[in-house]
Amino acid sequence: MIRMPRPLYIAWRVVESLGQVGTRFINAAVFGGSTRQSTSARAHIEQWPKGRNRINSFFRIFGQADHCAASWASEVNDARKTLAINDARNKNVTGI
């Protein structure tokens, strides 16, 4: 990641988070999907050729060759981290 002053970093993270909320809203409200999945990840999983091409074309501006695949992989990785944290907490609570 590029090093930047903290206020700029915070602003960047807020914009990034708003983008994530927006894409999840579109996936749920427009396409009837889950609020836990971005439109990009869904386009990757469900093989939406036109949607995938449009999304990937937009994100090529930011240097991402296959944004949809990267989005899906990121969401899977985040889910795995959450499950690992929950498993660790459960072991601490139950002693198993």
PDB file of N, CA and C in Angstrom:
ATOM      1  N   MET A   1       0.832  -1.180   0.000  1.00  0.00           N
ATOM      2  CA  MET A   1       0.000   0.000   0.000  1.00  0.00           C
ATOM      3  C   MET A   1       0.880   1.248   0.000  1.00  0.00           C
ATOM      4  N   ILE A   2       0.392   2.281  -0.597  1.00  0.00           N
ATOM      5  CA  ILE A   2       1.091   3.554  -0.652  1.00  0.00           C
ATOM      6  C   ILE A   2       1.005   4.220   0.717  1.00  0.00           C
ATOM      7  N   ARG A   3       2.142   4.731   1.201  1.00  0.00           N
ATOM      8  CA  ARG A   3       2.135   5.446   2.481  1.00  0.00           C
ATOM      9  C   ARG A   3       1.545   6.836   2.259  1.00  0.00           C
ATOM     10  N   MET A   4       0.659   7.221   3.164  1.00  0.00           N
ATOM     11  CA  MET A   4       0.029   8.540   3.064  1.00  0.00           C
ATOM     12  C   MET A   4      -0.230   9.080   4.455  1.00  0.00           C
ATOM     13  N   PRO A   5      -0.411  10.384   4.576  1.00  0.00           N
ATOM     14  CA  PRO A   5      -0.721  10.970   5.885  1.00  0.00           C
ATOM     15  C   PRO A   5      -2.014  10.364   6.455  1.00  0.00           C
ATOM     16  N   ARG A   6      -2.055  10.238   7.762  1.00  0.00           N
ATOM     17  CA  ARG A   6      -3.202   9.593   8.422  1.00  0.00           C
ATOM     18  C   ARG A   6      -4.552  10.192   8.027  1.00  0.00           C
ATOM     19  N   PRO A   7      -4.734  11.518   8.006  1.00  0.00           N
ATOM     20  CA  PRO A   7      -6.046  12.053   7.609  1.00  0.00           C
ATOM     21  C   PRO A   7      -6.453  11.625   6.196  1.00  0.00           C
ATOM     22  N   LEU A   8      -5.494  11.582   5.291  1.00  0.00           N
ATOM     23  CA  LEU A   8      -5.787  11.137   3.929  1.00  0.00           C
ATOM     24  C   LEU A   8      -6.139   9.649   3.915  1.00  0.00           C
ATOM     25  N   TYR A   9      -5.407   8.864   4.718  1.00  0.00           N
ATOM     26  CA  TYR A   9      -5.694   7.434   4.827  1.00  0.00           C
ATOM     27  C   TYR A   9      -7.109   7.202   5.361  1.00  0.00           C
ATOM     28  N   ILE A  10      -7.489   7.947   6.381  1.00  0.00           N
ATOM     29  CA  ILE A  10      -8.834   7.805   6.961  1.00  0.00           C
ATOM     30  C   ILE A  10      -9.891   8.155   5.915  1.00  0.00           C
ATOM     31  N   ALA A  11      -9.682   9.241   5.191  1.00  0.00           N
ATOM     32  CA  ALA A  11     -10.629   9.628   4.142  1.00  0.00           C
ATOM     33  C   ALA A  11     -10.731   8.536   3.080  1.00  0.00           C
ATOM     34  N   TRP A  12      -9.583   7.987   2.689  1.00  0.00           N
ATOM     35  CA  TRP A  12      -9.572   6.909   1.690  1.00  0.00           C
ATOM     36  C   TRP A  12     -10.369   5.703   2.176  1.00  0.00           C
ATOM     37  N   ARG A  13     -10.169   5.301   3.438  1.00  0.00           N
ATOM     38  CA  ARG A  13     -10.887   4.146   3.985  1.00  0.00           C
ATOM     39  C   ARG A  13     -12.394   4.392   4.059  1.00  0.00           C
ATOM     40  N   VAL A  14     -12.796   5.625   4.376  1.00  0.00           N
ATOM     41  CA  VAL A  14     -14.225   5.959   4.417  1.00  0.00           C
ATOM     42  C   VAL A  14     -14.822   5.845   3.012  1.00  0.00           C
ATOM     43  N   VAL A  15     -14.135   6.397   2.022  1.00  0.00           N
ATOM     44  CA  VAL A  15     -14.621   6.311   0.636  1.00  0.00           C
ATOM     45  C   VAL A  15     -14.699   4.851   0.195  1.00  0.00           C
ATOM     46  N   GLU A  16     -13.680   4.081   0.536  1.00  0.00           N
ATOM     47  CA  GLU A  16     -13.663   2.652   0.197  1.00  0.00           C
ATOM     48  C   GLU A  16     -14.841   1.927   0.852  1.00  0.00           C
ATOM     49  N   SER A  17     -15.090   2.224   2.114  1.00  0.00           N
ATOM     50  CA  SER A  17     -16.208   1.589   2.833  1.00  0.00           C
ATOM     51  C   SER A  17     -17.556   1.975   2.235  1.00  0.00           C
ATOM     52  N   LEU A  18     -17.703   3.232   1.849  1.00  0.00           N
ATOM     53  CA  LEU A  18     -18.958   3.659   1.218  1.00  0.00           C
ATOM     54  C   LEU A  18     -19.167   2.938  -0.113  1.00  0.00           C
ATOM     55  N   GLY A  19     -18.089   2.732  -0.840  1.00  0.00           N
ATOM     56  CA  GLY A  19     -18.175   1.977  -2.088  1.00  0.00           C
ATOM     57  C   GLY A  19     -18.626   0.547  -1.846  1.00  0.00           C
ATOM     58  N   GLN A  20     -18.100  -0.065  -0.784  1.00  0.00           N
ATOM     59  CA  GLN A  20     -18.498  -1.428  -0.448  1.00  0.00           C
ATOM     60  C   GLN A  20     -19.971  -1.500  -0.059  1.00  0.00           C
ATOM     61  N   VAL A  21     -20.423  -0.533   0.708  1.00  0.00           N
ATOM     62  CA  VAL A  21     -21.841  -0.485   1.081  1.00  0.00           C
ATOM     63  C   VAL A  21     -22.699  -0.319  -0.167  1.00  0.00           C
ATOM     64  N   GLY A  22     -22.261   0.560  -1.065  1.00  0.00           N
ATOM     65  CA  GLY A  22     -23.020   0.800  -2.293  1.00  0.00           C
ATOM     66  C   GLY A  22     -23.146  -0.436  -3.157  1.00  0.00           C
ATOM     67  N   THR A  23     -22.048  -1.162  -3.341  1.00  0.00           N
ATOM     68  CA  THR A  23     -22.106  -2.343  -4.203  1.00  0.00           C
ATOM     69  C   THR A  23     -22.922  -3.464  -3.564  1.00  0.00           C
ATOM     70  N   ARG A  24     -22.872  -3.572  -2.250  1.00  0.00           N
ATOM     71  CA  ARG A  24     -23.696  -4.584  -1.561  1.00  0.00           C
ATOM     72  C   ARG A  24     -25.178  -4.213  -1.631  1.00  0.00           C
ATOM     73  N   PHE A  25     -25.457  -2.918  -1.530  1.00  0.00           N
ATOM     74  CA  PHE A  25     -26.839  -2.457  -1.667  1.00  0.00           C
ATOM     75  C   PHE A  25     -27.362  -2.781  -3.070  1.00  0.00           C
ATOM     76  N   ILE A  26     -26.566  -2.492  -4.094  1.00  0.00           N
ATOM     77  CA  ILE A  26     -26.983  -2.788  -5.475  1.00  0.00           C
ATOM     78  C   ILE A  26     -27.206  -4.276  -5.644  1.00  0.00           C
ATOM     79  N   ASN A  27     -26.303  -5.097  -5.108  1.00  0.00           N
ATOM     80  CA  ASN A  27     -26.466  -6.543  -5.228  1.00  0.00           C
ATOM     81  C   ASN A  27     -27.777  -7.013  -4.605  1.00  0.00           C
ATOM     82  N   ALA A  28     -28.120  -6.453  -3.441  1.00  0.00           N
ATOM     83  CA  ALA A  28     -29.333  -6.870  -2.742  1.00  0.00           C
ATOM     84  C   ALA A  28     -30.593  -6.257  -3.349  1.00  0.00           C
ATOM     85  N   ALA A  29     -30.589  -4.945  -3.537  1.00  0.00           N
ATOM     86  CA  ALA A  29     -31.809  -4.242  -3.964  1.00  0.00           C
ATOM     87  C   ALA A  29     -32.122  -4.429  -5.443  1.00  0.00           C
ATOM     88  N   VAL A  30     -31.108  -4.421  -6.278  1.00  0.00           N
ATOM     89  CA  VAL A  30     -31.339  -4.501  -7.725  1.00  0.00           C
ATOM     90  C   VAL A  30     -31.351  -5.941  -8.219  1.00  0.00           C
ATOM     91  N   PHE A  31     -30.381  -6.747  -7.730  1.00  0.00           N
ATOM     92  CA  PHE A  31     -30.238  -8.106  -8.250  1.00  0.00           C
ATOM     93  C   PHE A  31     -30.790  -9.184  -7.335  1.00  0.00           C
ATOM     94  N   GLY A  32     -31.347  -8.801  -6.177  1.00  0.00           N
ATOM     95  CA  GLY A  32     -31.952  -9.769  -5.272  1.00  0.00           C
ATOM     96  C   GLY A  32     -30.952 -10.666  -4.573  1.00  0.00           C
ATOM     97  N   GLY A  33     -29.708 -10.207  -4.443  1.00  0.00           N
ATOM     98  CA  GLY A  33     -28.663 -11.009  -3.807  1.00  0.00           C
ATOM     99  C   GLY A  33     -28.525 -10.697  -2.322  1.00  0.00           C
ATOM    100  N   SER A  34     -27.409 -11.117  -1.789  1.00  0.00           N
ATOM    101  CA  SER A  34     -27.125 -10.944  -0.367  1.00  0.00           C
ATOM    102  C   SER A  34     -26.431  -9.608  -0.105  1.00  0.00           C
ATOM    103  N   THR A  35     -26.715  -9.028   1.049  1.00  0.00           N
ATOM    104  CA  THR A  35     -26.011  -7.805   1.450  1.00  0.00           C
ATOM    105  C   THR A  35     -24.593  -8.128   1.906  1.00  0.00           C
ATOM    106  N   ARG A  36     -24.262  -9.382   2.027  1.00  0.00           N
ATOM    107  CA  ARG A  36     -22.919  -9.791   2.447  1.00  0.00           C
ATOM    108  C   ARG A  36     -21.997 -10.034   1.256  1.00  0.00           C
ATOM    109  N   GLN A  37     -22.506  -9.815   0.044  1.00  0.00           N
ATOM    110  CA  GLN A  37     -21.704 -10.057  -1.156  1.00  0.00           C
ATOM    111  C   GLN A  37     -21.771  -8.855  -2.080  1.00  0.00           C
ATOM    112  N   SER A  38     -20.616  -8.472  -2.607  1.00  0.00           N
ATOM    113  CA  SER A  38     -20.579  -7.343  -3.538  1.00  0.00           C
ATOM    114  C   SER A  38     -21.083  -7.768  -4.911  1.00  0.00           C
ATOM    115  N   THR A  39     -21.481  -6.792  -5.683  1.00  0.00           N
ATOM    116  CA  THR A  39     -21.913  -7.053  -7.056  1.00  0.00           C
ATOM    117  C   THR A  39     -20.760  -7.647  -7.862  1.00  0.00           C
ATOM    118  N   SER A  40     -19.553  -7.167  -7.616  1.00  0.00           N
ATOM    119  CA  SER A  40     -18.374  -7.665  -8.336  1.00  0.00           C
ATOM    120  C   SER A  40     -18.136  -9.145  -8.056  1.00  0.00           C
ATOM    121  N   ALA A  41     -18.178  -9.528  -6.780  1.00  0.00           N
ATOM    122  CA  ALA A  41     -17.965 -10.929  -6.415  1.00  0.00           C
ATOM    123  C   ALA A  41     -19.070 -11.809  -7.004  1.00  0.00           C
ATOM    124  N   ARG A  42     -20.282 -11.321  -6.985  1.00  0.00           N
ATOM    125  CA  ARG A  42     -21.387 -12.095  -7.547  1.00  0.00           C
ATOM    126  C   ARG A  42     -21.233 -12.256  -9.057  1.00  0.00           C
ATOM    127  N   ALA A  43     -20.783 -11.200  -9.730  1.00  0.00           N
ATOM    128  CA  ALA A  43     -20.554 -11.288 -11.175  1.00  0.00           C
ATOM    129  C   ALA A  43     -19.487 -12.334 -11.473  1.00  0.00           C
ATOM    130  N   HIS A  44     -18.494 -12.453 -10.603  1.00  0.00           N
ATOM    131  CA  HIS A  44     -17.441 -13.459 -10.780  1.00  0.00           C
ATOM    132  C   HIS A  44     -17.991 -14.869 -10.571  1.00  0.00           C
ATOM    133  N   ILE A  45     -18.717 -15.075  -9.486  1.00  0.00           N
ATOM    134  CA  ILE A  45     -19.219 -16.404  -9.148  1.00  0.00           C
ATOM    135  C   ILE A  45     -20.262 -16.889 -10.153  1.00  0.00           C
ATOM    136  N   GLU A  46     -21.176 -16.005 -10.508  1.00  0.00           N
ATOM    137  CA  GLU A  46     -22.278 -16.408 -11.384  1.00  0.00           C
ATOM    138  C   GLU A  46     -21.964 -16.243 -12.864  1.00  0.00           C
ATOM    139  N   GLN A  47     -20.717 -15.855 -13.152  1.00  0.00           N
ATOM    140  CA  GLN A  47     -20.260 -15.745 -14.535  1.00  0.00           C
ATOM    141  C   GLN A  47     -21.188 -14.864 -15.379  1.00  0.00           C
ATOM    142  N   TRP A  48     -21.348 -13.628 -14.937  1.00  0.00           N
ATOM    143  CA  TRP A  48     -22.116 -12.650 -15.713  1.00  0.00           C
ATOM    144  C   TRP A  48     -21.157 -11.993 -16.693  1.00  0.00           C
ATOM    145  N   PRO A  49     -21.064 -12.454 -17.936  1.00  0.00           N
ATOM    146  CA  PRO A  49     -20.042 -11.935 -18.853  1.00  0.00           C
ATOM    147  C   PRO A  49     -20.134 -10.427 -19.083  1.00  0.00           C
ATOM    148  N   LYS A  50     -21.312  -9.907 -19.386  1.00  0.00           N
ATOM    149  CA  LYS A  50     -21.432  -8.460 -19.652  1.00  0.00           C
ATOM    150  C   LYS A  50     -21.145  -7.639 -18.407  1.00  0.00           C
ATOM    151  N   GLY A  51     -21.739  -8.026 -17.298  1.00  0.00           N
ATOM    152  CA  GLY A  51     -21.523  -7.299 -16.053  1.00  0.00           C
ATOM    153  C   GLY A  51     -20.079  -7.349 -15.619  1.00  0.00           C
ATOM    154  N   ARG A  52     -19.496  -8.527 -15.722  1.00  0.00           N
ATOM    155  CA  ARG A  52     -18.092  -8.698 -15.344  1.00  0.00           C
ATOM    156  C   ARG A  52     -17.184  -7.837 -16.204  1.00  0.00           C
ATOM    157  N   ASN A  53     -17.428  -7.841 -17.499  1.00  0.00           N
ATOM    158  CA  ASN A  53     -16.602  -7.036 -18.407  1.00  0.00           C
ATOM    159  C   ASN A  53     -16.723  -5.550 -18.101  1.00  0.00           C
ATOM    160  N   ARG A  54     -17.942  -5.098 -17.815  1.00  0.00           N
ATOM    161  CA  ARG A  54     -18.142  -3.674 -17.502  1.00  0.00           C
ATOM    162  C   ARG A  54     -17.446  -3.291 -16.199  1.00  0.00           C
ATOM    163  N   ILE A  55     -17.635  -4.116 -15.193  1.00  0.00           N
ATOM    164  CA  ILE A  55     -17.024  -3.840 -13.893  1.00  0.00           C
ATOM    165  C   ILE A  55     -15.497  -3.858 -14.022  1.00  0.00           C
ATOM    166  N   ASN A  56     -14.968  -4.899 -14.656  1.00  0.00           N
ATOM    167  CA  ASN A  56     -13.517  -5.003 -14.809  1.00  0.00           C
ATOM    168  C   ASN A  56     -12.949  -3.867 -15.651  1.00  0.00           C
ATOM    169  N   SER A  57     -13.685  -3.445 -16.679  1.00  0.00           N
ATOM    170  CA  SER A  57     -13.230  -2.325 -17.507  1.00  0.00           C
ATOM    171  C   SER A  57     -13.106  -1.052 -16.677  1.00  0.00           C
ATOM    172  N   PHE A  58     -14.076  -0.810 -15.809  1.00  0.00           N
ATOM    173  CA  PHE A  58     -14.028   0.370 -14.951  1.00  0.00           C
ATOM    174  C   PHE A  58     -12.815   0.314 -14.021  1.00  0.00           C
ATOM    175  N   PHE A  59     -12.588  -0.829 -13.397  1.00  0.00           N
ATOM    176  CA  PHE A  59     -11.521  -0.926 -12.403  1.00  0.00           C
ATOM    177  C   PHE A  59     -10.136  -1.049 -13.020  1.00  0.00           C
ATOM    178  N   ARG A  60     -10.041  -1.255 -14.330  1.00  0.00           N
ATOM    179  CA  ARG A  60      -8.733  -1.215 -14.991  1.00  0.00           C
ATOM    180  C   ARG A  60      -8.119   0.182 -14.875  1.00  0.00           C
ATOM    181  N   ILE A  61      -8.980   1.204 -14.756  1.00  0.00           N
ATOM    182  CA  ILE A  61      -8.506   2.575 -14.544  1.00  0.00           C
ATOM    183  C   ILE A  61      -7.623   2.635 -13.298  1.00  0.00           C
ATOM    184  N   PHE A  62      -7.947   1.816 -12.304  1.00  0.00           N
ATOM    185  CA  PHE A  62      -7.221   1.797 -11.035  1.00  0.00           C
ATOM    186  C   PHE A  62      -6.150   0.711 -11.000  1.00  0.00           C
ATOM    187  N   GLY A  63      -5.883   0.095 -12.156  1.00  0.00           N
ATOM    188  CA  GLY A  63      -4.808  -0.884 -12.252  1.00  0.00           C
ATOM    189  C   GLY A  63      -5.182  -2.303 -11.875  1.00  0.00           C
ATOM    190  N   GLN A  64      -6.473  -2.608 -11.806  1.00  0.00           N
ATOM    191  CA  GLN A  64      -6.894  -3.965 -11.468  1.00  0.00           C
ATOM    192  C   GLN A  64      -7.292  -4.703 -12.751  1.00  0.00           C
ATOM    193  N   ALA A  65      -6.564  -5.753 -13.066  1.00  0.00           N
ATOM    194  CA  ALA A  65      -6.826  -6.500 -14.300  1.00  0.00           C
ATOM    195  C   ALA A  65      -8.141  -7.284 -14.220  1.00  0.00           C
ATOM    196  N   ASP A  66      -8.386  -7.932 -13.089  1.00  0.00           N
ATOM    197  CA  ASP A  66      -9.619  -8.716 -12.916  1.00  0.00           C
ATOM    198  C   ASP A  66     -10.209  -8.389 -11.545  1.00  0.00           C
ATOM    199  N   HIS A  67     -10.881  -7.255 -11.466  1.00  0.00           N
ATOM    200  CA  HIS A  67     -11.444  -6.777 -10.202  1.00  0.00           C
ATOM    201  C   HIS A  67     -12.445  -7.767  -9.626  1.00  0.00           C
ATOM    202  N   CYS A  68     -13.287  -8.357 -10.462  1.00  0.00           N
ATOM    203  CA  CYS A  68     -14.331  -9.262  -9.966  1.00  0.00           C
ATOM    204  C   CYS A  68     -13.724 -10.470  -9.251  1.00  0.00           C
ATOM    205  N   ALA A  69     -12.700 -11.081  -9.849  1.00  0.00           N
ATOM    206  CA  ALA A  69     -12.039 -12.227  -9.210  1.00  0.00           C
ATOM    207  C   ALA A  69     -11.353 -11.795  -7.919  1.00  0.00           C
ATOM    208  N   ALA A  70     -10.697 -10.633  -7.943  1.00  0.00           N
ATOM    209  CA  ALA A  70     -10.023 -10.134  -6.750  1.00  0.00           C
ATOM    210  C   ALA A  70     -11.028  -9.817  -5.647  1.00  0.00           C
ATOM    211  N   SER A  71     -12.177  -9.281  -6.012  1.00  0.00           N
ATOM    212  CA  SER A  71     -13.221  -8.962  -5.042  1.00  0.00           C
ATOM    213  C   SER A  71     -13.741 -10.233  -4.386  1.00  0.00           C
ATOM    214  N   TRP A  72     -13.993 -11.245  -5.199  1.00  0.00           N
ATOM    215  CA  TRP A  72     -14.471 -12.531  -4.668  1.00  0.00           C
ATOM    216  C   TRP A  72     -13.433 -13.131  -3.724  1.00  0.00           C
ATOM    217  N   ALA A  73     -12.170 -13.146  -4.134  1.00  0.00           N
ATOM    218  CA  ALA A  73     -11.109 -13.723  -3.308  1.00  0.00           C
ATOM    219  C   ALA A  73     -10.978 -12.955  -1.988  1.00  0.00           C
ATOM    220  N   SER A  74     -11.104 -11.639  -2.031  1.00  0.00           N
ATOM    221  CA  SER A  74     -11.025 -10.821  -0.826  1.00  0.00           C
ATOM    222  C   SER A  74     -12.170 -11.136   0.128  1.00  0.00           C
ATOM    223  N   GLU A  75     -13.374 -11.289  -0.410  1.00  0.00           N
ATOM    224  CA  GLU A  75     -14.527 -11.593   0.437  1.00  0.00           C
ATOM    225  C   GLU A  75     -14.406 -12.979   1.067  1.00  0.00           C
ATOM    226  N   VAL A  76     -13.899 -13.941   0.317  1.00  0.00           N
ATOM    227  CA  VAL A  76     -13.683 -15.289   0.855  1.00  0.00           C
ATOM    228  C   VAL A  76     -12.636 -15.242   1.965  1.00  0.00           C
ATOM    229  N   ASN A  77     -11.552 -14.502   1.725  1.00  0.00           N
ATOM    230  CA  ASN A  77     -10.496 -14.368   2.726  1.00  0.00           C
ATOM    231  C   ASN A  77     -11.034 -13.713   4.003  1.00  0.00           C
ATOM    232  N   ASP A  78     -11.837 -12.655   3.850  1.00  0.00           N
ATOM    233  CA  ASP A  78     -12.428 -11.986   5.016  1.00  0.00           C
ATOM    234  C   ASP A  78     -13.338 -12.941   5.787  1.00  0.00           C
ATOM    235  N   ALA A  79     -14.113 -13.747   5.077  1.00  0.00           N
ATOM    236  CA  ALA A  79     -15.010 -14.708   5.728  1.00  0.00           C
ATOM    237  C   ALA A  79     -14.203 -15.757   6.501  1.00  0.00           C
ATOM    238  N   ARG A  80     -13.111 -16.214   5.912  1.00  0.00           N
ATOM    239  CA  ARG A  80     -12.259 -17.196   6.596  1.00  0.00           C
ATOM    240  C   ARG A  80     -11.653 -16.607   7.870  1.00  0.00           C
ATOM    241  N   LYS A  81     -11.226 -15.349   7.815  1.00  0.00           N
ATOM    242  CA  LYS A  81     -10.679 -14.684   9.002  1.00  0.00           C
ATOM    243  C   LYS A  81     -11.738 -14.601  10.106  1.00  0.00           C
ATOM    244  N   THR A  82     -12.960 -14.237   9.722  1.00  0.00           N
ATOM    245  CA  THR A  82     -14.049 -14.137  10.691  1.00  0.00           C
ATOM    246  C   THR A  82     -14.325 -15.497  11.329  1.00  0.00           C
ATOM    247  N   LEU A  83     -14.359 -16.543  10.522  1.00  0.00           N
ATOM    248  CA  LEU A  83     -14.594 -17.892  11.065  1.00  0.00           C
ATOM    249  C   LEU A  83     -13.474 -18.313  12.008  1.00  0.00           C
ATOM    250  N   ALA A  84     -12.236 -17.996  11.664  1.00  0.00           N
ATOM    251  CA  ALA A  84     -11.103 -18.344  12.531  1.00  0.00           C
ATOM    252  C   ALA A  84     -11.198 -17.608  13.864  1.00  0.00           C
ATOM    253  N   ILE A  85     -11.564 -16.331  13.823  1.00  0.00           N
ATOM    254  CA  ILE A  85     -11.718 -15.554  15.059  1.00  0.00           C
ATOM    255  C   ILE A  85     -12.839 -16.148  15.910  1.00  0.00           C
ATOM    256  N   ASN A  86     -13.952 -16.480  15.266  1.00  0.00           N
ATOM    257  CA  ASN A  86     -15.074 -17.073  16.004  1.00  0.00           C
ATOM    258  C   ASN A  86     -14.700 -18.424  16.604  1.00  0.00           C
ATOM    259  N   ASP A  87     -13.962 -19.247  15.843  1.00  0.00           N
ATOM    260  CA  ASP A  87     -13.526 -20.544  16.367  1.00  0.00           C
ATOM    261  C   ASP A  87     -12.632 -20.363  17.597  1.00  0.00           C
ATOM    262  N   ALA A  88     -11.713 -19.404  17.523  1.00  0.00           N
ATOM    263  CA  ALA A  88     -10.815 -19.146  18.659  1.00  0.00           C
ATOM    264  C   ALA A  88     -11.607 -18.680  19.880  1.00  0.00           C
ATOM    265  N   ARG A  89     -12.576 -17.820  19.662  1.00  0.00           N
ATOM    266  CA  ARG A  89     -13.406 -17.341  20.784  1.00  0.00           C
ATOM    267  C   ARG A  89     -14.209 -18.482  21.386  1.00  0.00           C
ATOM    268  N   ASN A  90     -14.764 -19.323  20.529  1.00  0.00           N
ATOM    269  CA  ASN A  90     -15.551 -20.463  21.026  1.00  0.00           C
ATOM    270  C   ASN A  90     -14.697 -21.407  21.841  1.00  0.00           C
ATOM    271  N   LYS A  91     -13.447 -21.629  21.431  1.00  0.00           N
ATOM    272  CA  LYS A  91     -12.553 -22.520  22.178  1.00  0.00           C
ATOM    273  C   LYS A  91     -12.238 -21.928  23.535  1.00  0.00           C
ATOM    274  N   ASN A  92     -12.070 -20.591  23.597  1.00  0.00           N
ATOM    275  CA  ASN A  92     -11.791 -19.932  24.871  1.00  0.00           C
ATOM    276  C   ASN A  92     -12.985 -19.993  25.803  1.00  0.00           C
ATOM    277  N   VAL A  93     -14.207 -19.898  25.247  1.00  0.00           N
ATOM    278  CA  VAL A  93     -15.419 -19.896  26.061  1.00  0.00           C
ATOM    279  C   VAL A  93     -15.746 -21.304  26.547  1.00  0.00           C
ATOM    280  N   THR A  94     -15.642 -22.280  25.636  1.00  0.00           N
ATOM    281  CA  THR A  94     -16.043 -23.648  25.997  1.00  0.00           C
ATOM    282  C   THR A  94     -14.904 -24.474  26.550  1.00  0.00           C
ATOM    283  N   GLY A  95     -13.654 -24.043  26.322  1.00  0.00           N
ATOM    284  CA  GLY A  95     -12.514 -24.804  26.817  1.00  0.00           C
ATOM    285  C   GLY A  95     -12.186 -26.024  25.959  1.00  0.00           C
ATOM    286  N   ILE A  96     -12.812 -26.126  24.795  1.00  0.00           N
ATOM    287  CA  ILE A  96     -12.571 -27.290  23.916  1.00  0.00           C
ATOM    288  C   ILE A  96     -11.439 -26.990  22.965  1.00  0.00           C
TER     289      ILE A  96
END
